[in-house]
Amino acid sequence: MARYGSVSALALLALALPAAAGSAQAQQGPGQNDNLNAVLWDQTSVEFQANALGAYALARIRLDEALADASRTAAPAEQTGDFKNFPPAVVLDVDDTVLNTSPYQARNVAEGSGFDPKTWTQYVKAKIDTPIPGAVEFTQYAASKGVKVFYVTNRTKEEEGPTVEHMKALGFPMGDNVDTFLSAKEQPDWTSAKSTRRAFIAKDYRILLLLGDNFGDFTDAYKGTVAERQAAFEAAKDHWGRDWIAIANPTYGSFESAPYKGDYKLPAEEQRKLKIEALQPWNGQ
């Protein structure tokens, strides 16, 4: 009987310890997350709103300039032949260019989790994104000028339906009888790199502007080391602010993986170490 009681006490203790640990962890809150300040800025700062509104105000000015100059194209790598008489178009990314996905990033910060295709698709289907400030107004302005508005996104075909439905409800022009939402893998050569989709558009339209939050929204040279990306950026310097308009997004993107060369198999600690090594700190003197 004594032994039975002793075993029961040990069993109760074994059950109690995880519960106590869980309670202590809950009291301590989520662990540290490198993305906290970036997501906080994205969701709560007036600076984020001001930056986005400024970018889209500039896009209006550049749109009018490009409409007046038939020789201009924002996609020289993809726009070949005589395109001067083609109908005009603009090309925009979706995530964090026209739709703010910060609730998904905030969930990952609060729960200590990371990107997962399954939870991301669930998030997309929930249709809770809000427009990036200025995005609806700019796309409507472009459409009012007779400019076809294309969305080149790496959301998947499965995610296209709910996204298009949600964007229509938010007021984004969606092309009427033209498929203007070009998702990843919709055609065999439409990979996460976007040049093939820009080339698809350029066959029938003169591309006036590219808008995005990631280097890959403008060029397929977005991968590589920090130095390689800098060289590609310098090579395209005449486009920035003219016909390539960037929307600030510090929460995720190809910039984050550049220090560890996109090797997502590396342990998180090693990725973080390489990111810190990529910094250029003040030496204190």
Protein backbone atom coordinates (compact mmCIF):
# COMPACT_ATOMS: atom_id res chain seq x y z
CA MET A 1 0.00 0.00 0.00
CA ALA A 2 2.84 2.39 0.89
CA ARG A 3 4.55 1.61 -2.41
CA TYR A 4 1.33 2.17 -4.32
CA GLY A 5 0.90 5.52 -2.58
CA SER A 6 4.49 6.48 -3.38
CA VAL A 7 4.04 5.66 -7.06
CA SER A 8 0.84 7.68 -7.15
CA ALA A 9 2.62 10.65 -5.63
CA LEU A 10 5.40 10.40 -8.18
CA ALA A 11 2.87 10.12 -10.97
CA LEU A 12 1.03 13.18 -9.69
CA LEU A 13 4.32 15.05 -9.48
CA ALA A 14 5.19 14.05 -13.05
CA LEU A 15 1.86 15.42 -14.20
CA ALA A 16 2.21 18.60 -12.19
CA LEU A 17 5.70 19.54 -13.42
CA PRO A 18 4.78 20.10 -17.09
CA ALA A 19 1.71 22.04 -16.01
CA ALA A 20 3.82 24.22 -13.73
CA ALA A 21 6.39 24.74 -16.47
CA GLY A 22 3.64 25.67 -18.91
CA SER A 23 2.16 28.12 -16.40
CA ALA A 24 5.56 29.71 -15.82
CA GLN A 25 6.14 29.99 -19.55
CA ALA A 26 2.73 31.59 -20.00
CA GLN A 27 3.57 34.13 -17.28
CA GLN A 28 6.87 34.93 -18.95
CA GLY A 29 5.18 35.44 -22.33
CA PRO A 30 6.59 34.62 -25.77
CA GLY A 31 10.31 34.39 -26.30
CA GLN A 32 12.40 37.02 -28.01
CA ASN A 33 11.72 37.44 -31.72
CA ASP A 34 13.94 39.37 -34.11
CA ASN A 35 10.88 40.51 -36.06
CA LEU A 36 9.11 42.25 -33.18
CA ASN A 37 10.10 45.85 -33.93
CA ALA A 38 9.57 45.42 -37.68
CA VAL A 39 6.03 44.09 -37.22
CA LEU A 40 5.30 46.75 -34.60
CA TRP A 41 6.39 49.42 -37.10
CA ASP A 42 4.29 47.81 -39.83
CA GLN A 43 1.13 47.66 -37.73
CA THR A 44 1.24 50.73 -35.48
CA SER A 45 3.52 53.44 -36.83
CA VAL A 46 2.39 56.59 -38.60
CA GLU A 47 5.80 56.49 -40.27
CA PHE A 48 4.80 53.33 -42.13
CA GLN A 49 1.60 54.99 -43.32
CA ALA A 50 3.45 58.13 -44.40
CA ASN A 51 6.06 56.12 -46.28
CA ALA A 52 3.44 54.13 -48.22
CA LEU A 53 1.35 57.18 -49.04
CA GLY A 54 4.48 58.95 -50.29
CA ALA A 55 5.44 56.02 -52.52
CA TYR A 56 1.99 55.84 -54.07
CA ALA A 57 1.85 59.62 -54.54
CA LEU A 58 5.14 59.38 -56.44
CA ALA A 59 3.70 56.49 -58.48
CA ARG A 60 0.86 58.73 -59.70
CA ILE A 61 3.34 61.34 -60.91
CA ARG A 62 5.50 58.74 -62.65
CA LEU A 63 2.43 57.12 -64.20
CA ASP A 64 1.38 60.38 -65.84
CA GLU A 65 4.93 60.94 -67.11
CA ALA A 66 5.11 57.45 -68.62
CA LEU A 67 1.71 57.82 -70.27
CA ALA A 68 3.02 60.93 -72.04
CA ASP A 69 6.16 59.17 -73.30
CA ALA A 70 5.44 56.13 -75.49
CA SER A 71 9.11 55.16 -75.58
CA ARG A 72 9.22 54.34 -71.86
CA THR A 73 8.96 50.89 -70.34
CA ALA A 74 9.64 49.71 -66.81
CA ALA A 75 10.51 46.20 -68.02
CA PRO A 76 13.39 46.56 -70.51
CA ALA A 77 14.51 42.96 -69.95
CA GLU A 78 11.09 41.62 -70.91
CA GLN A 79 9.66 44.33 -73.18
CA THR A 80 11.08 43.69 -76.65
CA GLY A 81 10.15 44.80 -80.15
CA ASP A 82 7.99 47.79 -81.03
CA PHE A 83 5.81 48.34 -77.97
CA LYS A 84 5.05 52.05 -78.41
CA ASN A 85 1.47 51.46 -79.51
CA PHE A 86 0.69 48.77 -76.95
CA PRO A 87 -2.01 49.59 -74.38
CA PRO A 88 -0.47 50.70 -71.06
CA ALA A 89 -0.21 48.59 -67.92
CA VAL A 90 1.25 48.71 -64.44
CA VAL A 91 2.46 45.65 -62.52
CA LEU A 92 2.18 45.36 -58.75
CA ASP A 93 3.10 42.69 -56.25
CA VAL A 94 0.34 41.77 -53.76
CA ASP A 95 1.69 40.87 -50.32
CA ASP A 96 2.79 44.01 -48.48
CA THR A 97 2.65 46.03 -51.68
CA VAL A 98 -1.13 46.32 -51.96
CA LEU A 99 -2.28 44.08 -49.08
CA ASN A 100 -0.92 44.36 -45.54
CA THR A 101 -0.20 40.85 -44.21
CA SER A 102 1.11 42.00 -40.83
CA PRO A 103 -1.52 40.04 -38.84
CA TYR A 104 0.18 36.84 -40.03
CA GLN A 105 3.61 38.17 -39.09
CA ALA A 106 2.24 39.33 -35.71
CA ARG A 107 0.86 35.86 -35.04
CA ASN A 108 4.30 34.38 -35.61
CA VAL A 109 5.87 36.89 -33.22
CA ALA A 110 3.24 36.33 -30.51
CA GLU A 111 3.35 32.53 -30.78
CA GLY A 112 7.05 32.10 -31.47
CA SER A 113 6.27 30.41 -34.77
CA GLY A 114 7.38 31.00 -38.35
CA PHE A 115 6.11 30.88 -41.89
CA ASP A 116 4.29 27.67 -42.76
CA PRO A 117 2.47 27.09 -46.07
CA LYS A 118 -0.53 25.52 -44.33
CA THR A 119 -1.12 28.30 -41.82
CA TRP A 120 -0.39 30.89 -44.54
CA THR A 121 -3.12 29.45 -46.80
CA GLN A 122 -5.51 29.43 -43.83
CA TYR A 123 -4.66 33.07 -43.24
CA VAL A 124 -5.26 34.00 -46.89
CA LYS A 125 -8.64 32.27 -46.86
CA ALA A 126 -9.64 34.24 -43.74
CA LYS A 127 -9.54 37.40 -45.91
CA ILE A 128 -8.51 39.83 -43.16
CA ASP A 129 -5.81 41.76 -45.04
CA THR A 130 -6.18 45.52 -45.13
CA PRO A 131 -4.95 47.69 -48.03
CA ILE A 132 -1.52 49.28 -47.88
CA PRO A 133 -2.17 53.03 -47.52
CA GLY A 134 -2.56 54.60 -50.96
CA ALA A 135 -2.76 51.31 -52.87
CA VAL A 136 -6.48 51.24 -53.66
CA GLU A 137 -6.47 54.89 -54.66
CA PHE A 138 -3.45 54.48 -56.94
CA THR A 139 -4.79 51.41 -58.73
CA GLN A 140 -8.16 53.08 -59.21
CA TYR A 141 -6.40 56.18 -60.58
CA ALA A 142 -4.42 54.04 -63.02
CA ALA A 143 -7.56 52.25 -64.18
CA SER A 144 -9.32 55.60 -64.66
CA LYS A 145 -6.51 56.56 -67.07
CA GLY A 146 -7.12 53.45 -69.17
CA VAL A 147 -4.15 51.60 -67.66
CA LYS A 148 -4.55 47.85 -67.09
CA VAL A 149 -3.56 46.93 -63.52
CA PHE A 150 -1.80 43.55 -63.20
CA TYR A 151 -0.96 41.77 -59.95
CA VAL A 152 2.05 39.45 -60.13
CA THR A 153 2.13 37.49 -56.89
CA ASN A 154 3.61 34.35 -55.41
CA ARG A 155 0.35 33.46 -53.79
CA THR A 156 -0.65 30.07 -55.17
CA LYS A 157 -3.50 29.06 -57.46
CA GLU A 158 -5.33 27.69 -54.41
CA GLU A 159 -5.03 31.11 -52.76
CA GLU A 160 -6.04 33.08 -55.86
CA GLY A 161 -9.83 32.76 -55.49
CA PRO A 162 -10.17 34.15 -51.96
CA THR A 163 -7.55 36.82 -52.67
CA VAL A 164 -9.30 38.10 -55.79
CA GLU A 165 -12.65 38.08 -54.01
CA HIS A 166 -11.19 40.03 -51.09
CA MET A 167 -9.36 42.54 -53.30
CA LYS A 168 -12.54 43.23 -55.28
CA ALA A 169 -14.38 43.90 -52.01
CA LEU A 170 -11.62 46.33 -50.99
CA GLY A 171 -12.01 48.25 -54.26
CA PHE A 172 -9.00 47.11 -56.28
CA PRO A 173 -9.63 46.98 -60.06
CA MET A 174 -9.35 43.35 -61.17
CA GLY A 175 -9.25 43.53 -64.96
CA ASP A 176 -12.85 42.82 -65.94
CA ASN A 177 -12.58 40.29 -68.82
CA VAL A 178 -8.76 40.07 -68.60
CA ASP A 179 -7.00 37.80 -66.11
CA THR A 180 -4.85 40.33 -64.29
CA PHE A 181 -4.02 38.19 -61.24
CA LEU A 182 -0.98 36.09 -62.18
CA SER A 183 -0.21 33.63 -59.39
CA ALA A 184 2.80 31.38 -58.97
CA LYS A 185 2.72 28.06 -60.87
CA GLU A 186 -0.41 29.12 -62.76
CA GLN A 187 1.61 28.18 -65.85
CA PRO A 188 4.55 25.74 -65.86
CA ASP A 189 7.24 28.43 -66.25
CA TRP A 190 5.72 30.82 -63.71
CA THR A 191 8.09 30.14 -60.84
CA SER A 192 8.68 32.31 -57.78
CA ALA A 193 10.95 34.42 -60.00
CA LYS A 194 8.68 36.86 -61.82
CA SER A 195 10.37 37.72 -65.13
CA THR A 196 8.37 35.13 -67.11
CA ARG A 197 5.13 36.69 -65.92
CA ARG A 198 6.35 40.19 -66.76
CA ALA A 199 7.29 38.89 -70.22
CA PHE A 200 3.78 37.42 -70.57
CA ILE A 201 2.27 40.84 -69.89
CA ALA A 202 4.82 42.64 -72.07
CA LYS A 203 3.72 40.70 -75.15
CA ASP A 204 0.49 42.71 -75.23
CA TYR A 205 1.01 45.74 -72.98
CA ARG A 206 3.54 48.52 -72.46
CA ILE A 207 4.57 48.23 -68.81
CA LEU A 208 4.77 51.73 -67.33
CA LEU A 209 5.61 50.97 -63.70
CA LEU A 210 6.64 48.13 -61.41
CA LEU A 211 5.67 48.37 -57.73
CA GLY A 212 6.77 45.95 -55.01
CA ASP A 213 8.19 45.49 -51.53
CA ASN A 214 10.92 43.00 -52.44
CA PHE A 215 13.85 43.19 -54.87
CA GLY A 216 12.40 40.15 -56.66
CA ASP A 217 9.36 42.21 -57.69
CA PHE A 218 11.63 44.13 -60.06
CA THR A 219 14.39 41.77 -61.19
CA ASP A 220 15.29 38.09 -61.03
CA ALA A 221 18.73 39.12 -59.76
CA TYR A 222 17.33 39.38 -56.24
CA LYS A 223 19.08 36.29 -54.89
CA GLY A 224 22.71 36.00 -53.86
CA THR A 225 24.94 37.51 -51.24
CA VAL A 226 24.54 40.98 -49.78
CA ALA A 227 27.33 42.20 -52.11
CA GLU A 228 25.78 40.56 -55.17
CA ARG A 229 22.41 42.10 -54.42
CA GLN A 230 24.05 45.50 -53.96
CA ALA A 231 25.72 45.19 -57.37
CA ALA A 232 22.38 44.30 -58.99
CA PHE A 233 20.77 47.26 -57.25
CA GLU A 234 23.47 49.63 -58.54
CA ALA A 235 23.08 48.27 -62.06
CA ALA A 236 19.38 49.22 -61.97
CA LYS A 237 19.88 52.60 -60.26
CA ASP A 238 18.19 54.57 -63.06
CA HIS A 239 14.90 52.77 -62.43
CA TRP A 240 14.48 53.44 -58.72
CA GLY A 241 11.93 56.16 -58.05
CA ARG A 242 11.35 56.57 -61.79
CA ASP A 243 9.56 53.46 -63.00
CA TRP A 244 10.38 51.07 -60.13
CA ILE A 245 8.64 52.14 -56.92
CA ALA A 246 9.49 50.27 -53.71
CA ILE A 247 7.13 49.94 -50.74
CA ALA A 248 9.02 49.57 -47.46
CA ASN A 249 8.67 46.18 -45.74
CA PRO A 250 11.16 45.33 -42.97
CA THR A 251 9.28 42.23 -41.79
CA TYR A 252 10.43 39.66 -44.39
CA GLY A 253 11.96 39.37 -47.84
CA SER A 254 15.04 38.29 -49.74
CA PHE A 255 17.14 40.81 -47.79
CA GLU A 256 16.73 38.72 -44.65
CA SER A 257 18.11 35.51 -46.17
CA ALA A 258 20.97 37.12 -48.10
CA PRO A 259 23.51 36.94 -45.22
CA TYR A 260 23.10 33.14 -45.03
CA LYS A 261 22.76 32.79 -48.84
CA GLY A 262 19.19 31.54 -48.66
CA ASP A 263 20.20 28.30 -46.97
CA TYR A 264 17.05 27.71 -44.93
CA LYS A 265 18.36 24.33 -43.79
CA LEU A 266 20.84 26.08 -41.51
CA PRO A 267 19.79 26.10 -37.84
CA ALA A 268 18.12 29.31 -36.74
CA GLU A 269 21.06 30.11 -34.46
CA GLU A 270 23.49 29.91 -37.38
CA GLN A 271 21.24 32.06 -39.58
CA ARG A 272 21.10 34.67 -36.83
CA LYS A 273 24.88 34.54 -36.33
CA LEU A 274 25.48 35.21 -40.03
CA LYS A 275 22.97 38.06 -40.02
CA ILE A 276 24.75 39.70 -37.10
CA GLU A 277 28.08 39.25 -38.88
CA ALA A 278 26.63 41.09 -41.89
CA LEU A 279 26.09 44.21 -39.76
CA GLN A 280 28.56 47.09 -39.78
CA PRO A 281 28.64 48.28 -36.17
CA TRP A 282 30.19 51.46 -34.82
CA ASN A 283 33.52 50.65 -33.18
CA GLY A 284 32.98 53.02 -30.27
CA GLN A 285 35.59 55.57 -31.36
